[in-house]
């Protein structure tokens, strides 16, 4: 996941983005790509606990080409997608696990990325919140977007997937989406 999302550089092999080796992009170009192309949903949320929901979702916008006067509109749209519009000013430390994960998803979607990298996004959630989080992620997808979903729970990846790639004990296999 870290290699795909350009968070790690010390890897061997070849990885191409838009026809160019990822290693050929400068640090600045990679930072721009991390912000424009990828939306990251981390297993442990990676939120700023003492900050508001608004400020957490705003973080990717700080590094984007979105004008400051548009931040609120982007953030409100993203929070609406995850059903948290009414919590925009609430401190993250007062949110439940499901609400925190939805804030993390709103942050991942705020820049309208082409690729969503989701690392066990439902791993610490109860069944109700798990379904809600999966609905949000899958509702975002369309024919122009890619979801890279890392999970130990095969039931998480059965919805809407066109192709499922399974890594098991070092072996990579492509499965039928209905498998």
C-alpha atoms as a PDB file:
ATOM      1  CA  UNK A   1       0.000   0.000   0.000  1.00  0.00           C
ATOM      2  CA  UNK A   2       2.761   2.422   0.909  1.00  0.00           C
ATOM      3  CA  UNK A   3       4.552   1.742  -2.368  1.00  0.00           C
ATOM      4  CA  UNK A   4       1.389   2.157  -4.424  1.00  0.00           C
ATOM      5  CA  UNK A   5       0.566   5.411  -2.629  1.00  0.00           C
ATOM      6  CA  UNK A   6       4.100   6.781  -3.054  1.00  0.00           C
ATOM      7  CA  UNK A   7       4.727   6.814   0.692  1.00  0.00           C
ATOM      8  CA  UNK A   8       7.724   4.447   0.452  1.00  0.00           C
ATOM      9  CA  UNK A   9      10.643   4.887  -1.916  1.00  0.00           C
ATOM     10  CA  UNK A  10      13.034   2.069  -1.001  1.00  0.00           C
ATOM     11  CA  UNK A  11      11.550  -0.735  -3.082  1.00  0.00           C
ATOM     12  CA  UNK A  12      12.855  -2.929  -5.858  1.00  0.00           C
ATOM     13  CA  UNK A  13      11.094  -3.671  -9.088  1.00  0.00           C
ATOM     14  CA  UNK A  14       9.101  -1.433 -11.389  1.00  0.00           C
ATOM     15  CA  UNK A  15       6.012   0.609 -10.670  1.00  0.00           C
ATOM     16  CA  UNK A  16       4.507   2.881 -13.311  1.00  0.00           C
ATOM     17  CA  UNK A  17       2.019   5.687 -12.947  1.00  0.00           C
ATOM     18  CA  UNK A  18       0.616   7.231 -16.099  1.00  0.00           C
ATOM     19  CA  UNK A  19       3.264   5.398 -18.146  1.00  0.00           C
ATOM     20  CA  UNK A  20       6.242   6.714 -16.186  1.00  0.00           C
ATOM     21  CA  UNK A  21       8.304   4.884 -13.588  1.00  0.00           C
ATOM     22  CA  UNK A  22       7.383   6.131 -10.110  1.00  0.00           C
ATOM     23  CA  UNK A  23      11.107   6.375  -9.323  1.00  0.00           C
ATOM     24  CA  UNK A  24      11.520   8.974 -12.088  1.00  0.00           C
ATOM     25  CA  UNK A  25       9.159  11.445 -10.427  1.00  0.00           C
ATOM     26  CA  UNK A  26      10.814  14.058  -8.224  1.00  0.00           C
ATOM     27  CA  UNK A  27       9.929  14.310  -4.529  1.00  0.00           C
ATOM     28  CA  UNK A  28       7.787  17.352  -5.322  1.00  0.00           C
ATOM     29  CA  UNK A  29       5.998  15.571  -8.179  1.00  0.00           C
ATOM     30  CA  UNK A  30       5.346  12.581  -5.932  1.00  0.00           C
ATOM     31  CA  UNK A  31       3.931  14.837  -3.217  1.00  0.00           C
ATOM     32  CA  UNK A  32       1.587  16.421  -5.769  1.00  0.00           C
ATOM     33  CA  UNK A  33       0.511  12.986  -6.983  1.00  0.00           C
ATOM     34  CA  UNK A  34      -0.100  11.779  -3.413  1.00  0.00           C
ATOM     35  CA  UNK A  35      -2.425  14.712  -2.990  1.00  0.00           C
ATOM     36  CA  UNK A  36      -4.231  14.652  -6.352  1.00  0.00           C
ATOM     37  CA  UNK A  37      -4.391  10.984  -7.294  1.00  0.00           C
ATOM     38  CA  UNK A  38      -4.611   9.105  -4.006  1.00  0.00           C
ATOM     39  CA  UNK A  39      -7.031   9.141  -1.101  1.00  0.00           C
ATOM     40  CA  UNK A  40      -5.750   7.274   1.953  1.00  0.00           C
ATOM     41  CA  UNK A  41      -7.968   5.523   4.485  1.00  0.00           C
ATOM     42  CA  UNK A  42      -5.764   4.251   7.280  1.00  0.00           C
ATOM     43  CA  UNK A  43      -6.620   1.389   9.605  1.00  0.00           C
ATOM     44  CA  UNK A  44      -6.141   3.485  12.738  1.00  0.00           C
ATOM     45  CA  UNK A  45      -7.742   6.647  11.296  1.00  0.00           C
ATOM     46  CA  UNK A  46      -4.584   8.865  11.581  1.00  0.00           C
ATOM     47  CA  UNK A  47      -6.665  11.834  12.737  1.00  0.00           C
ATOM     48  CA  UNK A  48      -5.681  14.893  14.739  1.00  0.00           C
ATOM     49  CA  UNK A  49      -7.535  14.058  17.958  1.00  0.00           C
ATOM     50  CA  UNK A  50      -7.628  17.548  19.466  1.00  0.00           C
ATOM     51  CA  UNK A  51      -8.775  19.204  16.248  1.00  0.00           C
ATOM     52  CA  UNK A  52     -12.275  19.537  14.804  1.00  0.00           C
ATOM     53  CA  UNK A  53     -13.785  17.356  12.121  1.00  0.00           C
ATOM     54  CA  UNK A  54     -13.518  20.349   9.765  1.00  0.00           C
ATOM     55  CA  UNK A  55      -9.794  20.759  10.430  1.00  0.00           C
ATOM     56  CA  UNK A  56      -9.113  17.048   9.927  1.00  0.00           C
ATOM     57  CA  UNK A  57     -10.906  16.898   6.587  1.00  0.00           C
ATOM     58  CA  UNK A  58      -9.174  20.125   5.522  1.00  0.00           C
ATOM     59  CA  UNK A  59      -5.640  18.683   5.745  1.00  0.00           C
ATOM     60  CA  UNK A  60      -5.376  17.382   2.137  1.00  0.00           C
ATOM     61  CA  UNK A  61      -6.732  20.686   0.833  1.00  0.00           C
ATOM     62  CA  UNK A  62      -3.793  22.529   2.430  1.00  0.00           C
ATOM     63  CA  UNK A  63      -1.494  20.815  -0.064  1.00  0.00           C
ATOM     64  CA  UNK A  64      -3.779  21.030  -3.077  1.00  0.00           C
ATOM     65  CA  UNK A  65      -4.470  23.652  -5.716  1.00  0.00           C
ATOM     66  CA  UNK A  66      -7.969  24.214  -4.303  1.00  0.00           C
ATOM     67  CA  UNK A  67      -8.437  27.882  -3.436  1.00  0.00           C
ATOM     68  CA  UNK A  68      -8.919  28.621   0.272  1.00  0.00           C
ATOM     69  CA  UNK A  69     -12.307  30.219  -0.348  1.00  0.00           C
ATOM     70  CA  UNK A  70     -13.479  26.819  -1.686  1.00  0.00           C
ATOM     71  CA  UNK A  71     -12.334  24.757   1.307  1.00  0.00           C
ATOM     72  CA  UNK A  72     -15.642  24.916   3.168  1.00  0.00           C
ATOM     73  CA  UNK A  73     -17.611  23.806   0.102  1.00  0.00           C
ATOM     74  CA  UNK A  74     -15.304  20.818  -0.488  1.00  0.00           C
ATOM     75  CA  UNK A  75     -15.329  19.851   3.191  1.00  0.00           C
ATOM     76  CA  UNK A  76     -19.118  20.129   3.488  1.00  0.00           C
ATOM     77  CA  UNK A  77     -19.577  18.007   0.353  1.00  0.00           C
ATOM     78  CA  UNK A  78     -17.203  15.361   1.672  1.00  0.00           C
ATOM     79  CA  UNK A  79     -18.831  15.303   5.121  1.00  0.00           C
ATOM     80  CA  UNK A  80     -22.232  15.028   3.483  1.00  0.00           C
ATOM     81  CA  UNK A  81     -21.046  11.923   1.595  1.00  0.00           C
ATOM     82  CA  UNK A  82     -20.208  10.244   4.921  1.00  0.00           C
ATOM     83  CA  UNK A  83     -23.240  11.502   6.840  1.00  0.00           C
ATOM     84  CA  UNK A  84     -21.368  13.790   9.247  1.00  0.00           C
ATOM     85  CA  UNK A  85     -22.464  17.246   8.144  1.00  0.00           C
ATOM     86  CA  UNK A  86     -23.828  17.975  11.602  1.00  0.00           C
ATOM     87  CA  UNK A  87     -20.471  17.230  13.276  1.00  0.00           C
ATOM     88  CA  UNK A  88     -18.325  19.675  11.317  1.00  0.00           C
ATOM     89  CA  UNK A  89     -17.226  21.602  14.436  1.00  0.00           C
ATOM     90  CA  UNK A  90     -16.990  18.682  16.851  1.00  0.00           C
ATOM     91  CA  UNK A  91     -13.591  17.639  18.211  1.00  0.00           C
ATOM     92  CA  UNK A  92     -12.462  14.248  16.923  1.00  0.00           C
ATOM     93  CA  UNK A  93     -11.602  13.029  20.435  1.00  0.00           C
ATOM     94  CA  UNK A  94     -15.336  13.015  21.261  1.00  0.00           C
ATOM     95  CA  UNK A  95     -16.344  10.819  18.300  1.00  0.00           C
ATOM     96  CA  UNK A  96     -17.099   7.096  18.268  1.00  0.00           C
ATOM     97  CA  UNK A  97     -14.939   4.666  16.280  1.00  0.00           C
ATOM     98  CA  UNK A  98     -17.417   4.583  13.408  1.00  0.00           C
ATOM     99  CA  UNK A  99     -17.607   8.378  13.300  1.00  0.00           C
ATOM    100  CA  UNK A 100     -13.806   8.647  13.337  1.00  0.00           C
ATOM    101  CA  UNK A 101     -13.526   6.248  10.428  1.00  0.00           C
ATOM    102  CA  UNK A 102     -16.097   8.273   8.484  1.00  0.00           C
ATOM    103  CA  UNK A 103     -14.051  11.429   9.159  1.00  0.00           C
ATOM    104  CA  UNK A 104     -11.013   9.567   7.827  1.00  0.00           C
ATOM    105  CA  UNK A 105     -12.993   8.621   4.716  1.00  0.00           C
ATOM    106  CA  UNK A 106     -14.216  12.203   4.247  1.00  0.00           C
ATOM    107  CA  UNK A 107     -10.579  13.344   4.450  1.00  0.00           C
ATOM    108  CA  UNK A 108      -9.608  10.711   1.859  1.00  0.00           C
ATOM    109  CA  UNK A 109     -12.376  11.800  -0.537  1.00  0.00           C
ATOM    110  CA  UNK A 110     -12.152  15.581  -0.156  1.00  0.00           C
ATOM    111  CA  UNK A 111      -9.772  15.985  -3.131  1.00  0.00           C
ATOM    112  CA  UNK A 112     -11.873  13.633  -5.290  1.00  0.00           C
ATOM    113  CA  UNK A 113      -9.018  11.158  -5.842  1.00  0.00           C
ATOM    114  CA  UNK A 114      -8.856   8.606  -8.653  1.00  0.00           C
ATOM    115  CA  UNK A 115      -7.401   5.914  -6.397  1.00  0.00           C
ATOM    116  CA  UNK A 116      -8.621   5.058  -2.895  1.00  0.00           C
ATOM    117  CA  UNK A 117      -6.113   3.155  -0.764  1.00  0.00           C
ATOM    118  CA  UNK A 118      -7.997   1.560   2.107  1.00  0.00           C
ATOM    119  CA  UNK A 119      -5.999  -0.342   4.723  1.00  0.00           C
ATOM    120  CA  UNK A 120      -8.372  -2.436   6.851  1.00  0.00           C
ATOM    121  CA  UNK A 121     -10.867   0.446   7.036  1.00  0.00           C
ATOM    122  CA  UNK A 122     -13.442  -1.703   8.824  1.00  0.00           C
ATOM    123  CA  UNK A 123     -11.107  -3.750  11.014  1.00  0.00           C
ATOM    124  CA  UNK A 124     -12.059  -2.134  14.331  1.00  0.00           C
ATOM    125  CA  UNK A 125     -15.730  -1.485  13.610  1.00  0.00           C
ATOM    126  CA  UNK A 126     -18.890  -3.286  14.669  1.00  0.00           C
ATOM    127  CA  UNK A 127     -21.122  -4.795  11.960  1.00  0.00           C
ATOM    128  CA  UNK A 128     -23.422  -1.754  11.679  1.00  0.00           C
ATOM    129  CA  UNK A 129     -20.541   0.695  11.255  1.00  0.00           C
ATOM    130  CA  UNK A 130     -18.707  -1.757   8.976  1.00  0.00           C
ATOM    131  CA  UNK A 131     -21.668  -1.817   6.580  1.00  0.00           C
ATOM    132  CA  UNK A 132     -21.989   1.968   6.674  1.00  0.00           C
ATOM    133  CA  UNK A 133     -18.287   2.505   5.947  1.00  0.00           C
ATOM    134  CA  UNK A 134     -18.334  -0.008   3.088  1.00  0.00           C
ATOM    135  CA  UNK A 135     -21.428   1.667   1.621  1.00  0.00           C
ATOM    136  CA  UNK A 136     -19.650   5.038   1.660  1.00  0.00           C
ATOM    137  CA  UNK A 137     -16.518   3.691  -0.007  1.00  0.00           C
ATOM    138  CA  UNK A 138     -18.355   1.721  -2.680  1.00  0.00           C
ATOM    139  CA  UNK A 139     -20.811   4.546  -3.405  1.00  0.00           C
ATOM    140  CA  UNK A 140     -17.853   6.808  -4.214  1.00  0.00           C
ATOM    141  CA  UNK A 141     -16.553   4.477  -6.901  1.00  0.00           C
ATOM    142  CA  UNK A 142     -17.398   4.718 -10.575  1.00  0.00           C
ATOM    143  CA  UNK A 143     -15.787   3.548 -13.816  1.00  0.00           C
ATOM    144  CA  UNK A 144     -13.008   6.151 -13.474  1.00  0.00           C
ATOM    145  CA  UNK A 145     -11.892   5.232  -9.947  1.00  0.00           C
ATOM    146  CA  UNK A 146      -9.822   2.460  -8.443  1.00  0.00           C
ATOM    147  CA  UNK A 147     -10.151   0.980  -4.979  1.00  0.00           C
ATOM    148  CA  UNK A 148      -7.204  -0.810  -3.428  1.00  0.00           C
ATOM    149  CA  UNK A 149      -8.716  -2.477  -0.394  1.00  0.00           C
ATOM    150  CA  UNK A 150      -6.456  -4.396   1.970  1.00  0.00           C
ATOM    151  CA  UNK A 151      -8.420  -6.670   4.269  1.00  0.00           C
ATOM    152  CA  UNK A 152      -8.270  -9.949   6.112  1.00  0.00           C
ATOM    153  CA  UNK A 153     -12.051 -10.268   5.842  1.00  0.00           C
ATOM    154  CA  UNK A 154     -12.962 -11.541   2.357  1.00  0.00           C
ATOM    155  CA  UNK A 155     -16.593 -10.439   2.823  1.00  0.00           C
ATOM    156  CA  UNK A 156     -15.447  -6.795   2.720  1.00  0.00           C
ATOM    157  CA  UNK A 157     -14.351  -6.950  -0.891  1.00  0.00           C
ATOM    158  CA  UNK A 158     -17.311  -8.640  -2.535  1.00  0.00           C
ATOM    159  CA  UNK A 159     -19.365  -5.571  -3.376  1.00  0.00           C
ATOM    160  CA  UNK A 160     -19.019  -3.918  -6.743  1.00  0.00           C
ATOM    161  CA  UNK A 161     -15.510  -5.164  -7.417  1.00  0.00           C
ATOM    162  CA  UNK A 162     -14.612  -5.782 -11.024  1.00  0.00           C
ATOM    163  CA  UNK A 163     -11.428  -7.597 -10.143  1.00  0.00           C
ATOM    164  CA  UNK A 164     -10.118  -8.998  -6.901  1.00  0.00           C
ATOM    165  CA  UNK A 165      -6.430  -9.701  -6.476  1.00  0.00           C
ATOM    166  CA  UNK A 166      -5.590 -11.990  -3.586  1.00  0.00           C
ATOM    167  CA  UNK A 167      -2.189 -12.211  -1.923  1.00  0.00           C
ATOM    168  CA  UNK A 168      -1.953 -15.312   0.202  1.00  0.00           C
ATOM    169  CA  UNK A 169       1.300 -16.737   1.582  1.00  0.00           C
ATOM    170  CA  UNK A 170       3.324 -14.875  -1.020  1.00  0.00           C
ATOM    171  CA  UNK A 171       1.196 -16.001  -3.964  1.00  0.00           C
ATOM    172  CA  UNK A 172      -0.739 -13.480  -6.010  1.00  0.00           C
ATOM    173  CA  UNK A 173      -3.888 -14.573  -7.814  1.00  0.00           C
ATOM    174  CA  UNK A 174      -6.676 -12.779  -9.661  1.00  0.00           C
ATOM    175  CA  UNK A 175     -10.142 -13.898  -8.640  1.00  0.00           C
ATOM    176  CA  UNK A 176     -13.496 -13.470 -10.274  1.00  0.00           C
ATOM    177  CA  UNK A 177     -15.388 -10.734  -8.398  1.00  0.00           C
ATOM    178  CA  UNK A 178     -18.102 -13.220  -7.490  1.00  0.00           C
ATOM    179  CA  UNK A 179     -15.627 -15.849  -6.233  1.00  0.00           C
END
